């Protein structure tokens, strides 16, 4: 029997990224890593075929470090996945809302449940990932120490759910991108596509306006644009952008051509099918 292909994620079993791997690629074996950098490296060195990487959340915003890892990586984005995030407040046997003094979770989990943390008056503890926090709570077996994680994490580590659906707003969703060593572009006729890229401009007046002018004149929709200062002198800026369309579309090709006139560096990170979630939501 052939070995199952492997898909990397950051965290331990029960993490939301683990759940995303199981939902999007049920035939692949999810493999957890301590850091995002290790998950990237596992695909780069061939020990895993793909990686499932969270990039932003509807409540917590962008995921730290990812946009700094993407430009330096040799990997390509080949897909996107939207993972519903339904947080639970977990504790070991004997724990109650009254006994809790500390609640651990990934910084995104803590950011997405600020109202509960304030209501309970507990001390938030930043942890590597949500499921890792649940595992820590199980190992400590301390009624004063709880975790914010998934129902799967509660089941995996034998914790009780003290309160369910504790995120600040229902509909909490994390967008993830699927990374591969090879660029796998969809057929332009197969359906709507997205293209991700990074580019750099000098930090001077009008630089970004000129760089993006081609997208406006060609009728290309930019769905995401984020900036980062990349040097100590604050003279250069890097941008991560996502646009609707396939590079084979003349409008996209013309916009990219114009962009290159006004930027010092441009790198396409991948073109991939547009998730149906976008249209449904």
Protein backbone atom coordinates (compact mmCIF):
# COMPACT_ATOMS: atom_id res chain seq x y z
CA UNK A 1 0.00 0.00 0.00
CA UNK A 2 1.36 3.42 -0.97
CA UNK A 3 2.21 5.82 1.84
CA UNK A 4 -0.18 8.70 2.39
CA UNK A 5 1.05 12.08 1.29
CA UNK A 6 1.67 14.50 4.16
CA UNK A 7 0.39 18.01 4.80
CA UNK A 8 2.16 20.21 7.36
CA UNK A 9 0.51 22.52 9.86
CA UNK A 10 1.65 24.56 12.84
CA UNK A 11 0.46 23.15 16.14
CA UNK A 12 -0.52 19.84 17.70
CA UNK A 13 -3.49 17.51 17.08
CA UNK A 14 -6.75 19.33 17.72
CA UNK A 15 -5.52 22.67 16.35
CA UNK A 16 -7.76 24.53 13.91
CA UNK A 17 -5.09 24.12 11.25
CA UNK A 18 -5.25 20.37 11.89
CA UNK A 19 -9.02 20.51 11.39
CA UNK A 20 -8.53 22.48 8.16
CA UNK A 21 -6.14 19.83 6.83
CA UNK A 22 -8.67 17.08 7.58
CA UNK A 23 -11.52 19.01 5.92
CA UNK A 24 -9.67 20.15 2.80
CA UNK A 25 -7.39 17.13 2.26
CA UNK A 26 -8.99 14.11 3.97
CA UNK A 27 -6.74 11.64 2.12
CA UNK A 28 -3.51 13.25 3.35
CA UNK A 29 -1.76 12.74 6.70
CA UNK A 30 -1.63 15.95 8.78
CA UNK A 31 1.76 16.52 10.45
CA UNK A 32 2.15 19.15 13.17
CA UNK A 33 5.19 21.40 13.71
CA UNK A 34 6.11 23.77 16.52
CA UNK A 35 6.50 26.86 14.32
CA UNK A 36 5.29 28.19 10.99
CA UNK A 37 8.91 28.32 9.81
CA UNK A 38 9.26 24.58 10.46
CA UNK A 39 6.05 23.87 8.54
CA UNK A 40 7.38 25.87 5.58
CA UNK A 41 10.73 24.05 5.79
CA UNK A 42 9.04 20.63 5.80
CA UNK A 43 7.55 21.36 2.39
CA UNK A 44 10.73 22.94 1.08
CA UNK A 45 12.81 19.88 2.00
CA UNK A 46 10.24 17.42 0.64
CA UNK A 47 9.24 15.73 3.89
CA UNK A 48 5.70 17.05 3.35
CA UNK A 49 3.91 17.69 0.07
CA UNK A 50 1.78 20.65 1.22
CA UNK A 51 1.35 23.05 4.15
CA UNK A 52 -1.86 24.57 5.55
CA UNK A 53 -0.98 28.06 6.77
CA UNK A 54 -3.40 30.52 8.49
CA UNK A 55 -3.07 34.00 7.09
CA UNK A 56 -5.88 36.08 8.63
CA UNK A 57 -8.91 35.90 10.90
CA UNK A 58 -12.16 37.85 10.83
CA UNK A 59 -11.75 38.85 14.50
CA UNK A 60 -8.03 38.72 15.23
CA UNK A 61 -6.75 40.18 11.96
CA UNK A 62 -3.60 39.00 10.21
CA UNK A 63 -1.54 36.16 11.64
CA UNK A 64 1.85 37.38 12.84
CA UNK A 65 5.00 36.28 10.98
CA UNK A 66 3.28 34.77 7.94
CA UNK A 67 3.73 37.78 5.68
CA UNK A 68 7.37 37.93 6.65
CA UNK A 69 7.86 34.23 5.87
CA UNK A 70 6.09 34.32 2.49
CA UNK A 71 8.57 36.62 0.67
CA UNK A 72 11.59 34.57 1.75
CA UNK A 73 10.04 31.20 1.02
CA UNK A 74 10.47 29.24 -2.21
CA UNK A 75 6.92 27.88 -1.88
CA UNK A 76 3.84 28.79 -3.90
CA UNK A 77 0.23 29.34 -2.87
CA UNK A 78 -1.95 26.82 -4.70
CA UNK A 79 -5.22 27.11 -2.79
CA UNK A 80 -7.20 28.82 -0.06
CA UNK A 81 -9.41 27.37 2.68
CA UNK A 82 -11.83 29.09 5.07
CA UNK A 83 -12.00 27.37 8.44
CA UNK A 84 -14.85 28.16 10.87
CA UNK A 85 -13.46 28.88 14.34
CA UNK A 86 -15.73 27.91 17.21
CA UNK A 87 -13.87 28.45 20.46
CA UNK A 88 -14.63 26.61 23.69
CA UNK A 89 -13.46 27.38 27.21
CA UNK A 90 -11.80 24.21 28.47
CA UNK A 91 -10.62 22.98 31.86
CA UNK A 92 -9.61 19.76 33.59
CA UNK A 93 -11.96 17.74 35.75
CA UNK A 94 -13.01 19.79 38.77
CA UNK A 95 -12.48 23.14 37.10
CA UNK A 96 -15.32 25.69 37.02
CA UNK A 97 -15.67 29.26 35.82
CA UNK A 98 -15.07 30.33 39.42
CA UNK A 99 -11.83 28.35 39.89
CA UNK A 100 -10.11 29.62 36.75
CA UNK A 101 -7.32 32.14 37.27
CA UNK A 102 -5.38 31.75 34.00
CA UNK A 103 -6.58 30.97 30.48
CA UNK A 104 -4.06 30.01 27.79
CA UNK A 105 -4.40 30.07 24.02
CA UNK A 106 -2.69 31.21 20.84
CA UNK A 107 -2.54 35.01 20.66
CA UNK A 108 -5.23 34.87 17.96
CA UNK A 109 -7.51 32.82 20.24
CA UNK A 110 -7.03 35.33 23.06
CA UNK A 111 -7.70 38.24 20.70
CA UNK A 112 -10.91 36.60 19.49
CA UNK A 113 -12.27 36.10 23.04
CA UNK A 114 -11.42 39.40 24.73
CA UNK A 115 -14.94 39.89 26.09
CA UNK A 116 -14.99 36.55 27.93
CA UNK A 117 -11.51 37.10 29.37
CA UNK A 118 -12.61 40.51 30.65
CA UNK A 119 -15.88 39.10 32.03
CA UNK A 120 -14.14 36.33 33.98
CA UNK A 121 -11.27 38.54 35.11
CA UNK A 122 -8.71 35.82 34.30
CA UNK A 123 -5.10 36.27 33.26
CA UNK A 124 -4.56 35.50 29.54
CA UNK A 125 -1.46 33.45 28.68
CA UNK A 126 -0.08 33.47 25.13
CA UNK A 127 0.67 29.95 23.90
CA UNK A 128 2.11 28.53 20.68
CA UNK A 129 -1.27 27.27 19.46
CA UNK A 130 -4.77 26.67 20.76
CA UNK A 131 -4.52 22.89 20.92
CA UNK A 132 -1.11 23.14 22.59
CA UNK A 133 -2.73 25.24 25.30
CA UNK A 134 -5.39 22.54 25.76
CA UNK A 135 -2.67 19.89 26.02
CA UNK A 136 -0.90 22.00 28.65
CA UNK A 137 -4.12 22.35 30.64
CA UNK A 138 -4.59 18.58 30.60
CA UNK A 139 -1.01 17.94 31.71
CA UNK A 140 -1.17 20.47 34.53
CA UNK A 141 -4.55 19.14 35.70
CA UNK A 142 -4.94 22.35 37.70
CA UNK A 143 -8.50 23.72 38.19
CA UNK A 144 -7.13 27.27 38.06
CA UNK A 145 -5.64 26.77 34.59
CA UNK A 146 -7.88 26.63 31.50
CA UNK A 147 -7.56 26.95 27.76
CA UNK A 148 -9.36 28.41 24.76
CA UNK A 149 -9.44 25.83 21.98
CA UNK A 150 -11.68 23.67 19.81
CA UNK A 151 -14.12 20.95 20.79
CA UNK A 152 -11.77 18.53 19.03
CA UNK A 153 -8.97 19.62 21.37
CA UNK A 154 -11.25 19.00 24.38
CA UNK A 155 -11.94 15.48 23.11
CA UNK A 156 -8.30 14.84 22.19
CA UNK A 157 -6.91 15.82 25.62
CA UNK A 158 -9.79 14.76 27.88
CA UNK A 159 -10.88 18.22 29.01
CA UNK A 160 -14.36 19.41 29.92
CA UNK A 161 -16.06 22.28 28.11
CA UNK A 162 -16.88 24.97 30.67
CA UNK A 163 -18.52 27.32 28.19
CA UNK A 164 -19.17 26.89 24.48
CA UNK A 165 -18.93 29.34 21.54
CA UNK A 166 -17.06 31.99 23.46
CA UNK A 167 -15.69 34.03 20.54
CA UNK A 168 -16.62 37.72 20.62
CA UNK A 169 -18.69 37.44 17.46
CA UNK A 170 -20.31 34.49 15.72
CA UNK A 171 -19.12 33.76 12.21
CA UNK A 172 -15.49 33.78 13.31
CA UNK A 173 -13.45 32.38 10.42
CA UNK A 174 -9.77 31.89 9.65
CA UNK A 175 -8.55 32.08 6.07
CA UNK A 176 -5.73 29.71 5.27
CA UNK A 177 -3.52 29.27 2.24
CA UNK A 178 -2.18 25.98 0.92
CA UNK A 179 1.54 26.01 0.10
CA UNK A 180 3.41 23.75 -2.33
CA UNK A 181 6.95 23.42 -3.73
CA UNK A 182 5.53 23.70 -7.25
CA UNK A 183 3.33 26.35 -8.78
CA UNK A 184 0.04 24.70 -9.76
CA UNK A 185 -2.05 27.24 -11.62
CA UNK A 186 -5.69 26.41 -12.37
CA UNK A 187 -7.04 26.27 -15.91
CA UNK A 188 -8.14 29.83 -16.76
CA UNK A 189 -11.44 28.41 -18.05
CA UNK A 190 -12.10 26.32 -14.93
CA UNK A 191 -13.58 29.19 -12.90
CA UNK A 192 -12.70 32.35 -10.96
CA UNK A 193 -9.13 32.58 -9.68
CA UNK A 194 -7.11 34.63 -7.20
CA UNK A 195 -3.48 35.75 -7.54
CA UNK A 196 -1.21 36.66 -4.62
CA UNK A 197 1.94 38.73 -5.00
CA UNK A 198 4.44 40.87 -3.16
CA UNK A 199 6.07 44.04 -4.46
CA UNK A 200 8.33 46.76 -3.12
CA UNK A 201 8.39 50.50 -3.71
CA UNK A 202 10.53 53.36 -2.53
CA UNK A 203 8.97 55.20 0.40
CA UNK A 204 8.40 58.43 -1.52
CA UNK A 205 5.22 60.44 -2.22
CA UNK A 206 3.05 58.95 -4.96
CA UNK A 207 4.95 55.65 -5.27
CA UNK A 208 2.04 53.42 -4.25
CA UNK A 209 -0.49 55.50 -6.21
CA UNK A 210 1.54 55.06 -9.39
CA UNK A 211 2.20 51.37 -8.74
CA UNK A 212 -1.49 50.58 -8.34
CA UNK A 213 -2.75 52.78 -11.15
CA UNK A 214 -2.66 49.91 -13.65
CA UNK A 215 -5.10 47.87 -11.59
CA UNK A 216 -7.65 50.68 -11.62
CA UNK A 217 -7.33 51.47 -15.33
CA UNK A 218 -7.62 47.78 -16.22
CA UNK A 219 -10.60 47.14 -13.95
CA UNK A 220 -8.81 44.66 -11.67
CA UNK A 221 -10.17 44.26 -8.14
CA UNK A 222 -7.57 44.26 -5.34
CA UNK A 223 -9.14 42.34 -2.45
CA UNK A 224 -6.21 42.66 -0.02
CA UNK A 225 -3.30 45.08 0.37
CA UNK A 226 -0.96 45.23 3.36
CA UNK A 227 2.29 47.13 3.82
CA UNK A 228 5.50 46.46 5.76
CA UNK A 229 8.61 48.56 6.25
CA UNK A 230 11.56 46.32 5.34
CA UNK A 231 14.69 48.26 6.28
CA UNK A 232 16.03 50.13 9.28
CA UNK A 233 16.07 53.48 7.49
CA UNK A 234 12.32 53.32 6.68
CA UNK A 235 13.04 54.16 3.03
CA UNK A 236 11.50 51.09 1.39
CA UNK A 237 8.09 49.46 1.78
CA UNK A 238 6.93 45.97 0.90
CA UNK A 239 3.33 45.19 0.01
CA UNK A 240 1.39 41.93 0.05
CA UNK A 241 -1.55 42.01 -2.37
CA UNK A 242 -4.29 39.70 -3.59
CA UNK A 243 -6.22 40.36 -6.77
CA UNK A 244 -9.19 38.72 -8.44
CA UNK A 245 -8.18 37.08 -11.69
CA UNK A 246 -5.75 34.86 -13.58
CA UNK A 247 -2.49 36.20 -15.12
CA UNK A 248 -3.62 34.85 -18.49
CA UNK A 249 -6.37 37.48 -18.45
CA UNK A 250 -5.09 40.47 -20.49
CA UNK A 251 -6.39 42.87 -17.83
CA UNK A 252 -4.28 41.15 -15.14
CA UNK A 253 -1.26 40.90 -17.44
CA UNK A 254 -1.46 44.62 -18.29
CA UNK A 255 -1.85 45.58 -14.62
CA UNK A 256 1.21 43.51 -13.65
CA UNK A 257 3.22 45.02 -16.51
CA UNK A 258 2.42 48.54 -15.34
CA UNK A 259 3.16 47.62 -11.73
CA UNK A 260 6.69 46.56 -12.63
CA UNK A 261 7.45 50.06 -13.99
CA UNK A 262 6.95 51.59 -10.55
CA UNK A 263 8.24 48.98 -8.11
CA UNK A 264 11.75 47.86 -7.26
CA UNK A 265 10.78 44.22 -6.81
CA UNK A 266 7.78 42.05 -7.70
CA UNK A 267 7.16 38.37 -7.00
CA UNK A 268 4.07 36.34 -7.75
CA UNK A 269 3.32 33.96 -4.89
CA UNK A 270 0.72 31.91 -6.73
CA UNK A 271 -2.52 31.74 -8.67
CA UNK A 272 -5.22 29.46 -7.28
CA UNK A 273 -8.97 28.74 -7.49
CA UNK A 274 -11.17 31.32 -5.79
CA UNK A 275 -12.91 29.68 -2.82
CA UNK A 276 -16.67 29.31 -3.05
CA UNK A 277 -16.79 30.67 0.51
CA UNK A 278 -16.12 34.16 -0.88
CA UNK A 279 -19.33 34.13 -2.92
CA UNK A 280 -21.40 32.54 -0.16
CA UNK A 281 -20.33 35.12 2.41
